[in-house]
Amino acid sequence: MDNVLVKFVLWGILTALAYHIVGGLRHLVMDMGYWEELESGNQSARVAFVITAVLAVLAGVLVW
């Protein structure tokens, strides 16, 4: 874990995992009948990206 490349790869994997989880939760909510319209779907996608960015920063703090 002392190598910068290893830390970067681990951070990338954690970020991808966070994006996958947030996107999955978003789709579960859409399966329940919410956020299915175009405008609300676009807004929920933007919120998912923001949440993923926050989780990516937290994963970076965890790794480094």
PDB file of N, CA and C in Angstrom:
ATOM      1  N   MET A   1       0.814  -1.201   0.000  1.00  0.00           N
ATOM      2  CA  MET A   1       0.000   0.000   0.000  1.00  0.00           C
ATOM      3  C   MET A   1       0.859   1.266   0.000  1.00  0.00           C
ATOM      4  N   ASP A   2       2.144   1.135  -0.097  1.00  0.00           N
ATOM      5  CA  ASP A   2       3.004   2.319  -0.135  1.00  0.00           C
ATOM      6  C   ASP A   2       3.133   2.896  -1.543  1.00  0.00           C
ATOM      7  N   ASN A   3       2.804   2.115  -2.556  1.00  0.00           N
ATOM      8  CA  ASN A   3       2.923   2.550  -3.933  1.00  0.00           C
ATOM      9  C   ASN A   3       1.745   3.457  -4.316  1.00  0.00           C
ATOM     10  N   VAL A   4       2.037   4.563  -4.970  1.00  0.00           N
ATOM     11  CA  VAL A   4       0.996   5.525  -5.361  1.00  0.00           C
ATOM     12  C   VAL A   4       0.053   4.903  -6.385  1.00  0.00           C
ATOM     13  N   LEU A   5       0.580   4.078  -7.292  1.00  0.00           N
ATOM     14  CA  LEU A   5      -0.255   3.443  -8.304  1.00  0.00           C
ATOM     15  C   LEU A   5      -1.272   2.498  -7.663  1.00  0.00           C
ATOM     16  N   VAL A   6      -0.852   1.774  -6.660  1.00  0.00           N
ATOM     17  CA  VAL A   6      -1.761   0.865  -5.959  1.00  0.00           C
ATOM     18  C   VAL A   6      -2.861   1.662  -5.266  1.00  0.00           C
ATOM     19  N   LYS A   7      -2.515   2.761  -4.638  1.00  0.00           N
ATOM     20  CA  LYS A   7      -3.508   3.599  -3.984  1.00  0.00           C
ATOM     21  C   LYS A   7      -4.494   4.179  -4.995  1.00  0.00           C
ATOM     22  N   PHE A   8      -3.986   4.591  -6.152  1.00  0.00           N
ATOM     23  CA  PHE A   8      -4.853   5.165  -7.180  1.00  0.00           C
ATOM     24  C   PHE A   8      -5.830   4.120  -7.719  1.00  0.00           C
ATOM     25  N   VAL A   9      -5.347   2.912  -7.944  1.00  0.00           N
ATOM     26  CA  VAL A   9      -6.211   1.841  -8.431  1.00  0.00           C
ATOM     27  C   VAL A   9      -7.268   1.495  -7.389  1.00  0.00           C
ATOM     28  N   LEU A  10      -6.878   1.419  -6.136  1.00  0.00           N
ATOM     29  CA  LEU A  10      -7.826   1.137  -5.060  1.00  0.00           C
ATOM     30  C   LEU A  10      -8.876   2.240  -4.956  1.00  0.00           C
ATOM     31  N   TRP A  11      -8.441   3.489  -5.069  1.00  0.00           N
ATOM     32  CA  TRP A  11      -9.382   4.604  -5.048  1.00  0.00           C
ATOM     33  C   TRP A  11     -10.357   4.515  -6.219  1.00  0.00           C
ATOM     34  N   GLY A  12      -9.864   4.158  -7.390  1.00  0.00           N
ATOM     35  CA  GLY A  12     -10.727   4.011  -8.560  1.00  0.00           C
ATOM     36  C   GLY A  12     -11.755   2.907  -8.384  1.00  0.00           C
ATOM     37  N   ILE A  13     -11.332   1.801  -7.804  1.00  0.00           N
ATOM     38  CA  ILE A  13     -12.251   0.694  -7.553  1.00  0.00           C
ATOM     39  C   ILE A  13     -13.321   1.112  -6.544  1.00  0.00           C
ATOM     40  N   LEU A  14     -12.932   1.790  -5.479  1.00  0.00           N
ATOM     41  CA  LEU A  14     -13.901   2.250  -4.480  1.00  0.00           C
ATOM     42  C   LEU A  14     -14.866   3.280  -5.060  1.00  0.00           C
ATOM     43  N   THR A  15     -14.361   4.146  -5.938  1.00  0.00           N
ATOM     44  CA  THR A  15     -15.223   5.137  -6.575  1.00  0.00           C
ATOM     45  C   THR A  15     -16.227   4.463  -7.502  1.00  0.00           C
ATOM     46  N   ALA A  16     -15.780   3.490  -8.272  1.00  0.00           N
ATOM     47  CA  ALA A  16     -16.688   2.757  -9.161  1.00  0.00           C
ATOM     48  C   ALA A  16     -17.739   1.997  -8.363  1.00  0.00           C
ATOM     49  N   LEU A  17     -17.331   1.426  -7.245  1.00  0.00           N
ATOM     50  CA  LEU A  17     -18.273   0.718  -6.380  1.00  0.00           C
ATOM     51  C   LEU A  17     -19.311   1.681  -5.808  1.00  0.00           C
ATOM     52  N   ALA A  18     -18.875   2.851  -5.390  1.00  0.00           N
ATOM     53  CA  ALA A  18     -19.803   3.846  -4.864  1.00  0.00           C
ATOM     54  C   ALA A  18     -20.797   4.285  -5.934  1.00  0.00           C
ATOM     55  N   TYR A  19     -20.309   4.508  -7.157  1.00  0.00           N
ATOM     56  CA  TYR A  19     -21.192   4.899  -8.259  1.00  0.00           C
ATOM     57  C   TYR A  19     -22.216   3.803  -8.547  1.00  0.00           C
ATOM     58  N   HIS A  20     -21.781   2.569  -8.516  1.00  0.00           N
ATOM     59  CA  HIS A  20     -22.660   1.443  -8.778  1.00  0.00           C
ATOM     60  C   HIS A  20     -23.741   1.332  -7.702  1.00  0.00           C
ATOM     61  N   ILE A  21     -23.367   1.524  -6.450  1.00  0.00           N
ATOM     62  CA  ILE A  21     -24.329   1.440  -5.349  1.00  0.00           C
ATOM     63  C   ILE A  21     -25.334   2.582  -5.421  1.00  0.00           C
ATOM     64  N   VAL A  22     -24.855   3.798  -5.639  1.00  0.00           N
ATOM     65  CA  VAL A  22     -25.750   4.961  -5.721  1.00  0.00           C
ATOM     66  C   VAL A  22     -26.688   4.818  -6.918  1.00  0.00           C
ATOM     67  N   GLY A  23     -26.168   4.390  -8.045  1.00  0.00           N
ATOM     68  CA  GLY A  23     -27.017   4.171  -9.222  1.00  0.00           C
ATOM     69  C   GLY A  23     -28.039   3.069  -8.994  1.00  0.00           C
ATOM     70  N   GLY A  24     -27.642   2.032  -8.288  1.00  0.00           N
ATOM     71  CA  GLY A  24     -28.572   0.953  -7.973  1.00  0.00           C
ATOM     72  C   GLY A  24     -29.695   1.416  -7.068  1.00  0.00           C
ATOM     73  N   LEU A  25     -29.361   2.217  -6.075  1.00  0.00           N
ATOM     74  CA  LEU A  25     -30.401   2.762  -5.201  1.00  0.00           C
ATOM     75  C   LEU A  25     -31.345   3.683  -5.970  1.00  0.00           C
ATOM     76  N   ARG A  26     -30.781   4.455  -6.882  1.00  0.00           N
ATOM     77  CA  ARG A  26     -31.606   5.336  -7.721  1.00  0.00           C
ATOM     78  C   ARG A  26     -32.585   4.517  -8.556  1.00  0.00           C
ATOM     79  N   HIS A  27     -32.114   3.425  -9.124  1.00  0.00           N
ATOM     80  CA  HIS A  27     -32.989   2.590  -9.938  1.00  0.00           C
ATOM     81  C   HIS A  27     -34.023   1.851  -9.090  1.00  0.00           C
ATOM     82  N   LEU A  28     -33.676   1.502  -7.864  1.00  0.00           N
ATOM     83  CA  LEU A  28     -34.672   0.895  -6.982  1.00  0.00           C
ATOM     84  C   LEU A  28     -35.809   1.869  -6.696  1.00  0.00           C
ATOM     85  N   VAL A  29     -35.463   3.128  -6.486  1.00  0.00           N
ATOM     86  CA  VAL A  29     -36.490   4.146  -6.264  1.00  0.00           C
ATOM     87  C   VAL A  29     -37.337   4.320  -7.524  1.00  0.00           C
ATOM     88  N   MET A  30     -36.692   4.290  -8.685  1.00  0.00           N
ATOM     89  CA  MET A  30     -37.441   4.409  -9.940  1.00  0.00           C
ATOM     90  C   MET A  30     -38.358   3.201 -10.158  1.00  0.00           C
ATOM     91  N   ASP A  31     -37.949   2.030  -9.715  1.00  0.00           N
ATOM     92  CA  ASP A  31     -38.796   0.840  -9.822  1.00  0.00           C
ATOM     93  C   ASP A  31     -40.035   0.947  -8.942  1.00  0.00           C
ATOM     94  N   MET A  32     -39.949   1.742  -7.877  1.00  0.00           N
ATOM     95  CA  MET A  32     -41.113   1.956  -7.015  1.00  0.00           C
ATOM     96  C   MET A  32     -42.062   2.998  -7.587  1.00  0.00           C
ATOM     97  N   GLY A  33     -41.694   3.609  -8.704  1.00  0.00           N
ATOM     98  CA  GLY A  33     -42.598   4.532  -9.373  1.00  0.00           C
ATOM     99  C   GLY A  33     -42.294   5.996  -9.186  1.00  0.00           C
ATOM    100  N   TYR A  34     -41.173   6.319  -8.573  1.00  0.00           N
ATOM    101  CA  TYR A  34     -40.793   7.711  -8.368  1.00  0.00           C
ATOM    102  C   TYR A  34     -39.692   8.097  -9.359  1.00  0.00           C
ATOM    103  N   TRP A  35     -39.604   9.364  -9.693  1.00  0.00           N
ATOM    104  CA  TRP A  35     -38.539   9.918 -10.539  1.00  0.00           C
ATOM    105  C   TRP A  35     -38.499   9.289 -11.930  1.00  0.00           C
ATOM    106  N   GLU A  36     -39.657   8.897 -12.459  1.00  0.00           N
ATOM    107  CA  GLU A  36     -39.677   8.255 -13.770  1.00  0.00           C
ATOM    108  C   GLU A  36     -39.830   9.249 -14.918  1.00  0.00           C
ATOM    109  N   GLU A  37     -40.272  10.447 -14.638  1.00  0.00           N
ATOM    110  CA  GLU A  37     -40.417  11.444 -15.693  1.00  0.00           C
ATOM    111  C   GLU A  37     -39.039  11.954 -16.111  1.00  0.00           C
ATOM    112  N   LEU A  38     -38.978  12.570 -17.280  1.00  0.00           N
ATOM    113  CA  LEU A  38     -37.696  13.007 -17.834  1.00  0.00           C
ATOM    114  C   LEU A  38     -37.014  14.026 -16.936  1.00  0.00           C
ATOM    115  N   GLU A  39     -37.745  15.033 -16.487  1.00  0.00           N
ATOM    116  CA  GLU A  39     -37.137  16.097 -15.681  1.00  0.00           C
ATOM    117  C   GLU A  39     -36.662  15.577 -14.326  1.00  0.00           C
ATOM    118  N   SER A  40     -37.513  14.816 -13.644  1.00  0.00           N
ATOM    119  CA  SER A  40     -37.117  14.297 -12.331  1.00  0.00           C
ATOM    120  C   SER A  40     -36.027  13.237 -12.466  1.00  0.00           C
ATOM    121  N   GLY A  41     -36.032  12.489 -13.562  1.00  0.00           N
ATOM    122  CA  GLY A  41     -34.975  11.505 -13.792  1.00  0.00           C
ATOM    123  C   GLY A  41     -33.623  12.167 -14.011  1.00  0.00           C
ATOM    124  N   ASN A  42     -33.620  13.261 -14.772  1.00  0.00           N
ATOM    125  CA  ASN A  42     -32.369  14.006 -14.976  1.00  0.00           C
ATOM    126  C   ASN A  42     -31.868  14.608 -13.675  1.00  0.00           C
ATOM    127  N   GLN A  43     -32.784  15.121 -12.869  1.00  0.00           N
ATOM    128  CA  GLN A  43     -32.387  15.710 -11.595  1.00  0.00           C
ATOM    129  C   GLN A  43     -31.833  14.642 -10.649  1.00  0.00           C
ATOM    130  N   SER A  44     -32.467  13.479 -10.622  1.00  0.00           N
ATOM    131  CA  SER A  44     -31.965  12.415  -9.741  1.00  0.00           C
ATOM    132  C   SER A  44     -30.598  11.915 -10.212  1.00  0.00           C
ATOM    133  N   ALA A  45     -30.349  11.941 -11.526  1.00  0.00           N
ATOM    134  CA  ALA A  45     -29.027  11.550 -12.041  1.00  0.00           C
ATOM    135  C   ALA A  45     -27.964  12.542 -11.592  1.00  0.00           C
ATOM    136  N   ARG A  46     -28.297  13.843 -11.626  1.00  0.00           N
ATOM    137  CA  ARG A  46     -27.342  14.856 -11.156  1.00  0.00           C
ATOM    138  C   ARG A  46     -27.045  14.678  -9.667  1.00  0.00           C
ATOM    139  N   VAL A  47     -28.085  14.408  -8.890  1.00  0.00           N
ATOM    140  CA  VAL A  47     -27.897  14.187  -7.452  1.00  0.00           C
ATOM    141  C   VAL A  47     -27.035  12.954  -7.219  1.00  0.00           C
ATOM    142  N   ALA A  48     -27.243  11.909  -8.016  1.00  0.00           N
ATOM    143  CA  ALA A  48     -26.438  10.689  -7.890  1.00  0.00           C
ATOM    144  C   ALA A  48     -24.965  10.979  -8.186  1.00  0.00           C
ATOM    145  N   PHE A  49     -24.694  11.816  -9.201  1.00  0.00           N
ATOM    146  CA  PHE A  49     -23.307  12.185  -9.497  1.00  0.00           C
ATOM    147  C   PHE A  49     -22.677  12.977  -8.353  1.00  0.00           C
ATOM    148  N   VAL A  50     -23.435  13.877  -7.748  1.00  0.00           N
ATOM    149  CA  VAL A  50     -22.911  14.672  -6.627  1.00  0.00           C
ATOM    150  C   VAL A  50     -22.616  13.763  -5.437  1.00  0.00           C
ATOM    151  N   ILE A  51     -23.541  12.859  -5.135  1.00  0.00           N
ATOM    152  CA  ILE A  51     -23.323  11.932  -4.015  1.00  0.00           C
ATOM    153  C   ILE A  51     -22.102  11.056  -4.287  1.00  0.00           C
ATOM    154  N   THR A  52     -21.955  10.605  -5.535  1.00  0.00           N
ATOM    155  CA  THR A  52     -20.792   9.791  -5.893  1.00  0.00           C
ATOM    156  C   THR A  52     -19.503  10.593  -5.759  1.00  0.00           C
ATOM    157  N   ALA A  53     -19.529  11.866  -6.137  1.00  0.00           N
ATOM    158  CA  ALA A  53     -18.328  12.702  -5.998  1.00  0.00           C
ATOM    159  C   ALA A  53     -17.943  12.856  -4.533  1.00  0.00           C
ATOM    160  N   VAL A  54     -18.921  13.043  -3.671  1.00  0.00           N
ATOM    161  CA  VAL A  54     -18.639  13.154  -2.235  1.00  0.00           C
ATOM    162  C   VAL A  54     -18.054  11.846  -1.713  1.00  0.00           C
ATOM    163  N   LEU A  55     -18.650  10.726  -2.121  1.00  0.00           N
ATOM    164  CA  LEU A  55     -18.126   9.431  -1.688  1.00  0.00           C
ATOM    165  C   LEU A  55     -16.738   9.167  -2.249  1.00  0.00           C
ATOM    166  N   ALA A  56     -16.451   9.666  -3.455  1.00  0.00           N
ATOM    167  CA  ALA A  56     -15.111   9.501  -4.036  1.00  0.00           C
ATOM    168  C   ALA A  56     -14.077  10.280  -3.226  1.00  0.00           C
ATOM    169  N   VAL A  57     -14.440  11.474  -2.787  1.00  0.00           N
ATOM    170  CA  VAL A  57     -13.527  12.258  -1.948  1.00  0.00           C
ATOM    171  C   VAL A  57     -13.295  11.540  -0.625  1.00  0.00           C
ATOM    172  N   LEU A  58     -14.358  11.019  -0.042  1.00  0.00           N
ATOM    173  CA  LEU A  58     -14.207  10.282   1.219  1.00  0.00           C
ATOM    174  C   LEU A  58     -13.363   9.021   1.033  1.00  0.00           C
ATOM    175  N   ALA A  59     -13.520   8.359  -0.096  1.00  0.00           N
ATOM    176  CA  ALA A  59     -12.690   7.174  -0.376  1.00  0.00           C
ATOM    177  C   ALA A  59     -11.235   7.575  -0.547  1.00  0.00           C
ATOM    178  N   GLY A  60     -10.983   8.736  -1.161  1.00  0.00           N
ATOM    179  CA  GLY A  60      -9.623   9.230  -1.289  1.00  0.00           C
ATOM    180  C   GLY A  60      -8.998   9.530   0.060  1.00  0.00           C
ATOM    181  N   VAL A  61      -9.775  10.086   0.958  1.00  0.00           N
ATOM    182  CA  VAL A  61      -9.270  10.347   2.308  1.00  0.00           C
ATOM    183  C   VAL A  61      -8.979   9.030   3.015  1.00  0.00           C
ATOM    184  N   LEU A  62      -9.841   8.036   2.804  1.00  0.00           N
ATOM    185  CA  LEU A  62      -9.641   6.732   3.425  1.00  0.00           C
ATOM    186  C   LEU A  62      -8.380   6.049   2.906  1.00  0.00           C
ATOM    187  N   VAL A  63      -8.142   6.142   1.601  1.00  0.00           N
ATOM    188  CA  VAL A  63      -6.999   5.452   1.000  1.00  0.00           C
ATOM    189  C   VAL A  63      -5.698   6.163   1.341  1.00  0.00           C
ATOM    190  N   TRP A  64      -5.703   7.498   1.250  1.00  0.00           N
ATOM    191  CA  TRP A  64      -4.482   8.236   1.522  1.00  0.00           C
ATOM    192  C   TRP A  64      -4.474   8.672   2.951  1.00  0.00           C
TER     193      TRP A  64
END
